[in-house]
Amino acid sequence: MQTTLKALVAMLTIMILAAPAFGSGCPGKMAEIDQRLAAGPMLDAEVLEEIVSLRTEGEAMHQRGQHSAAMAALEEALAVLEEAEGHDHH
C-alpha cells in the first residue's frame, strides 16, 4: 500500500512540474488539481488513485485535442476531490 502511495506522489510531482499553470480550460483545471493535491489533503489511496487517473486521462485527451472530453475528465477529478474533502461544490 505504501508503495502505491509513493508511486502516486511521484506521478503527481512529475505532473505538477510538467503542467502549465496558466489560463482557464484544460491547463487551468490540471493546475488546480495539481495545486490542491500538492497541499496534501487526507485522501484514501483509492480516491487519490482515481483523481490522479482522471487527471492523467484528461491531460492525454487535451494533448490529442479532445478538449470537451478532457474537461469532463478534469471536472470529474475535481468533483471526486471535493467530495473526498467534504465540500459540496467548487
N, C-alpha and C. Protein backbone atom coordinates (compact mmCIF):
# COMPACT_ATOMS: atom_id res chain seq x y z
N MET A 1 0.83 -1.19 0.00
CA MET A 1 0.00 0.00 0.00
C MET A 1 0.87 1.25 0.00
N GLN A 2 1.92 1.29 0.81
CA GLN A 2 2.81 2.44 0.84
C GLN A 2 3.49 2.65 -0.51
N THR A 3 3.84 1.57 -1.18
CA THR A 3 4.48 1.67 -2.49
C THR A 3 3.54 2.35 -3.47
N THR A 4 2.26 2.00 -3.43
CA THR A 4 1.28 2.63 -4.31
C THR A 4 1.19 4.12 -4.04
N LEU A 5 1.13 4.50 -2.76
CA LEU A 5 1.06 5.92 -2.41
C LEU A 5 2.31 6.65 -2.86
N LYS A 6 3.47 6.04 -2.66
CA LYS A 6 4.72 6.68 -3.09
C LYS A 6 4.75 6.86 -4.60
N ALA A 7 4.27 5.85 -5.33
CA ALA A 7 4.24 5.95 -6.78
C ALA A 7 3.28 7.05 -7.23
N LEU A 8 2.13 7.16 -6.56
CA LEU A 8 1.18 8.21 -6.91
C LEU A 8 1.73 9.59 -6.60
N VAL A 9 2.42 9.72 -5.47
CA VAL A 9 3.03 11.00 -5.13
C VAL A 9 4.11 11.36 -6.14
N ALA A 10 4.89 10.39 -6.58
CA ALA A 10 5.91 10.64 -7.59
C ALA A 10 5.27 11.08 -8.90
N MET A 11 4.19 10.41 -9.31
CA MET A 11 3.48 10.80 -10.53
C MET A 11 2.94 12.21 -10.41
N LEU A 12 2.37 12.51 -9.26
CA LEU A 12 1.81 13.84 -9.03
C LEU A 12 2.89 14.90 -9.12
N THR A 13 4.04 14.63 -8.53
CA THR A 13 5.15 15.59 -8.58
C THR A 13 5.57 15.86 -10.01
N ILE A 14 5.67 14.81 -10.80
CA ILE A 14 6.03 14.97 -12.21
C ILE A 14 4.98 15.80 -12.93
N MET A 15 3.70 15.52 -12.67
CA MET A 15 2.63 16.26 -13.32
C MET A 15 2.65 17.73 -12.93
N ILE A 16 2.94 18.02 -11.66
CA ILE A 16 2.98 19.41 -11.21
C ILE A 16 4.08 20.16 -11.95
N LEU A 17 5.23 19.52 -12.08
CA LEU A 17 6.34 20.17 -12.77
C LEU A 17 6.08 20.33 -14.26
N ALA A 18 5.32 19.42 -14.83
CA ALA A 18 5.09 19.45 -16.27
C ALA A 18 3.88 20.27 -16.67
N ALA A 19 2.95 20.47 -15.76
CA ALA A 19 1.70 21.14 -16.12
C ALA A 19 1.87 22.65 -16.20
N PRO A 20 1.36 23.23 -17.25
CA PRO A 20 1.38 24.69 -17.32
C PRO A 20 0.35 25.25 -16.34
N ALA A 21 0.77 26.22 -15.55
CA ALA A 21 -0.12 26.78 -14.53
C ALA A 21 -0.65 28.12 -15.01
N PHE A 22 -1.43 28.09 -16.07
CA PHE A 22 -1.95 29.34 -16.61
C PHE A 22 -3.34 29.14 -17.18
N GLY A 23 -4.05 30.26 -17.28
CA GLY A 23 -5.30 30.30 -18.01
C GLY A 23 -6.40 29.43 -17.45
N SER A 24 -7.45 29.35 -18.26
CA SER A 24 -8.58 28.51 -17.90
C SER A 24 -8.58 27.32 -18.83
N GLY A 25 -9.66 26.62 -18.86
CA GLY A 25 -9.73 25.44 -19.70
C GLY A 25 -8.91 24.31 -19.13
N CYS A 26 -8.48 23.43 -20.01
CA CYS A 26 -7.76 22.22 -19.60
C CYS A 26 -6.53 22.51 -18.75
N PRO A 27 -5.60 23.37 -19.21
CA PRO A 27 -4.41 23.62 -18.40
C PRO A 27 -4.74 24.20 -17.02
N GLY A 28 -5.74 25.05 -16.98
CA GLY A 28 -6.14 25.64 -15.70
C GLY A 28 -6.70 24.59 -14.75
N LYS A 29 -7.51 23.68 -15.27
CA LYS A 29 -8.08 22.61 -14.44
C LYS A 29 -6.98 21.67 -13.96
N MET A 30 -6.04 21.33 -14.86
CA MET A 30 -4.93 20.46 -14.45
C MET A 30 -4.12 21.12 -13.34
N ALA A 31 -3.84 22.41 -13.50
CA ALA A 31 -3.07 23.14 -12.48
C ALA A 31 -3.83 23.18 -11.16
N GLU A 32 -5.14 23.38 -11.22
CA GLU A 32 -5.94 23.42 -9.99
C GLU A 32 -5.87 22.08 -9.26
N ILE A 33 -6.03 20.99 -10.01
CA ILE A 33 -5.95 19.66 -9.40
C ILE A 33 -4.57 19.46 -8.78
N ASP A 34 -3.53 19.79 -9.53
CA ASP A 34 -2.16 19.61 -9.05
C ASP A 34 -1.91 20.42 -7.77
N GLN A 35 -2.35 21.67 -7.76
CA GLN A 35 -2.13 22.52 -6.59
C GLN A 35 -2.87 21.99 -5.37
N ARG A 36 -4.10 21.55 -5.59
CA ARG A 36 -4.89 21.06 -4.46
C ARG A 36 -4.32 19.75 -3.91
N LEU A 37 -3.85 18.88 -4.80
CA LEU A 37 -3.24 17.64 -4.32
C LEU A 37 -1.89 17.92 -3.65
N ALA A 38 -1.16 18.91 -4.15
CA ALA A 38 0.13 19.26 -3.55
C ALA A 38 -0.04 19.79 -2.13
N ALA A 39 -1.23 20.31 -1.82
CA ALA A 39 -1.50 20.81 -0.48
C ALA A 39 -1.61 19.67 0.54
N GLY A 40 -1.66 18.44 0.05
CA GLY A 40 -1.64 17.27 0.92
C GLY A 40 -2.95 16.95 1.62
N PRO A 41 -4.07 16.97 0.89
CA PRO A 41 -5.33 16.60 1.56
C PRO A 41 -5.29 15.14 2.01
N MET A 42 -6.00 14.86 3.09
CA MET A 42 -6.06 13.49 3.61
C MET A 42 -7.05 12.70 2.76
N LEU A 43 -6.51 11.83 1.91
CA LEU A 43 -7.34 11.06 1.00
C LEU A 43 -7.00 9.58 1.09
N ASP A 44 -8.01 8.73 0.92
CA ASP A 44 -7.77 7.30 0.80
C ASP A 44 -6.91 7.07 -0.44
N ALA A 45 -6.11 6.02 -0.42
CA ALA A 45 -5.27 5.68 -1.56
C ALA A 45 -6.11 5.46 -2.81
N GLU A 46 -7.27 4.82 -2.67
CA GLU A 46 -8.14 4.54 -3.82
C GLU A 46 -8.68 5.84 -4.41
N VAL A 47 -9.05 6.78 -3.55
CA VAL A 47 -9.58 8.07 -4.01
C VAL A 47 -8.47 8.84 -4.72
N LEU A 48 -7.29 8.87 -4.13
CA LEU A 48 -6.16 9.55 -4.74
C LEU A 48 -5.85 8.95 -6.10
N GLU A 49 -5.87 7.63 -6.18
CA GLU A 49 -5.59 6.95 -7.45
C GLU A 49 -6.64 7.33 -8.50
N GLU A 50 -7.91 7.41 -8.10
CA GLU A 50 -8.97 7.78 -9.04
C GLU A 50 -8.77 9.21 -9.55
N ILE A 51 -8.43 10.12 -8.65
CA ILE A 51 -8.21 11.52 -9.03
C ILE A 51 -7.03 11.63 -9.99
N VAL A 52 -5.93 10.99 -9.65
CA VAL A 52 -4.73 11.05 -10.50
C VAL A 52 -5.01 10.40 -11.85
N SER A 53 -5.76 9.31 -11.87
CA SER A 53 -6.10 8.64 -13.12
C SER A 53 -6.94 9.54 -14.01
N LEU A 54 -7.96 10.18 -13.43
CA LEU A 54 -8.81 11.09 -14.21
C LEU A 54 -8.01 12.29 -14.71
N ARG A 55 -7.13 12.79 -13.88
CA ARG A 55 -6.31 13.94 -14.26
C ARG A 55 -5.38 13.57 -15.42
N THR A 56 -4.77 12.39 -15.33
CA THR A 56 -3.87 11.90 -16.38
C THR A 56 -4.64 11.67 -17.68
N GLU A 57 -5.83 11.08 -17.55
CA GLU A 57 -6.69 10.85 -18.71
C GLU A 57 -7.07 12.19 -19.36
N GLY A 58 -7.42 13.17 -18.52
CA GLY A 58 -7.77 14.49 -19.03
C GLY A 58 -6.61 15.15 -19.77
N GLU A 59 -5.40 15.02 -19.23
CA GLU A 59 -4.24 15.60 -19.89
C GLU A 59 -3.99 14.93 -21.24
N ALA A 60 -4.11 13.61 -21.28
CA ALA A 60 -3.89 12.87 -22.53
C ALA A 60 -4.91 13.29 -23.59
N MET A 61 -6.17 13.45 -23.18
CA MET A 61 -7.19 13.87 -24.14
C MET A 61 -6.93 15.31 -24.60
N HIS A 62 -6.50 16.15 -23.70
CA HIS A 62 -6.15 17.54 -24.05
C HIS A 62 -5.05 17.55 -25.11
N GLN A 63 -4.04 16.72 -24.91
CA GLN A 63 -2.92 16.67 -25.85
C GLN A 63 -3.36 16.14 -27.22
N ARG A 64 -4.41 15.32 -27.24
CA ARG A 64 -4.94 14.81 -28.51
C ARG A 64 -5.95 15.78 -29.14
N GLY A 65 -6.20 16.90 -28.47
CA GLY A 65 -7.13 17.89 -29.00
C GLY A 65 -8.58 17.60 -28.66
N GLN A 66 -8.82 16.67 -27.76
CA GLN A 66 -10.18 16.31 -27.34
C GLN A 66 -10.54 17.12 -26.10
N HIS A 67 -10.72 18.41 -26.27
CA HIS A 67 -10.84 19.31 -25.12
C HIS A 67 -12.14 19.14 -24.34
N SER A 68 -13.24 18.87 -25.00
CA SER A 68 -14.50 18.66 -24.28
C SER A 68 -14.41 17.43 -23.38
N ALA A 69 -13.89 16.35 -23.92
CA ALA A 69 -13.73 15.12 -23.14
C ALA A 69 -12.71 15.33 -22.03
N ALA A 70 -11.65 16.08 -22.33
CA ALA A 70 -10.63 16.36 -21.32
C ALA A 70 -11.23 17.15 -20.17
N MET A 71 -12.02 18.17 -20.50
CA MET A 71 -12.64 18.98 -19.45
C MET A 71 -13.58 18.13 -18.59
N ALA A 72 -14.31 17.21 -19.21
CA ALA A 72 -15.20 16.34 -18.46
C ALA A 72 -14.42 15.49 -17.47
N ALA A 73 -13.31 14.92 -17.90
CA ALA A 73 -12.49 14.09 -17.01
C ALA A 73 -11.89 14.93 -15.89
N LEU A 74 -11.41 16.13 -16.23
CA LEU A 74 -10.80 17.00 -15.22
C LEU A 74 -11.83 17.51 -14.22
N GLU A 75 -13.03 17.84 -14.70
CA GLU A 75 -14.11 18.25 -13.80
C GLU A 75 -14.50 17.10 -12.87
N GLU A 76 -14.52 15.88 -13.40
CA GLU A 76 -14.84 14.71 -12.58
C GLU A 76 -13.77 14.52 -11.50
N ALA A 77 -12.50 14.71 -11.87
CA ALA A 77 -11.42 14.59 -10.89
C ALA A 77 -11.60 15.62 -9.78
N LEU A 78 -11.96 16.85 -10.15
CA LEU A 78 -12.20 17.88 -9.14
C LEU A 78 -13.40 17.54 -8.26
N ALA A 79 -14.45 16.99 -8.86
CA ALA A 79 -15.63 16.61 -8.09
C ALA A 79 -15.30 15.52 -7.07
N VAL A 80 -14.52 14.53 -7.50
CA VAL A 80 -14.11 13.45 -6.59
C VAL A 80 -13.27 14.03 -5.46
N LEU A 81 -12.36 14.93 -5.81
CA LEU A 81 -11.51 15.57 -4.81
C LEU A 81 -12.34 16.35 -3.81
N GLU A 82 -13.27 17.13 -4.30
CA GLU A 82 -14.10 17.93 -3.40
C GLU A 82 -14.99 17.07 -2.52
N GLU A 83 -15.54 16.00 -3.09
CA GLU A 83 -16.36 15.10 -2.29
C GLU A 83 -15.51 14.46 -1.19
N ALA A 84 -14.30 14.07 -1.53
CA ALA A 84 -13.41 13.44 -0.55
C ALA A 84 -13.00 14.43 0.55
N GLU A 85 -12.91 15.70 0.18
CA GLU A 85 -12.56 16.74 1.15
C GLU A 85 -13.78 17.18 1.96
N GLY A 86 -14.96 16.76 1.56
CA GLY A 86 -16.17 17.10 2.28
C GLY A 86 -16.82 18.40 1.84
N HIS A 87 -16.49 18.89 0.64
CA HIS A 87 -17.08 20.10 0.10
C HIS A 87 -18.28 19.73 -0.76
N ASP A 88 -19.25 20.63 -0.83
CA ASP A 88 -20.43 20.39 -1.64
C ASP A 88 -20.19 20.74 -3.11
N HIS A 89 -19.41 21.78 -3.38
CA HIS A 89 -19.16 22.21 -4.74
C HIS A 89 -17.90 23.03 -4.78
N HIS A 90 -17.38 23.34 -6.03
CA HIS A 90 -16.18 24.16 -6.15
C HIS A 90 -16.49 25.52 -6.64
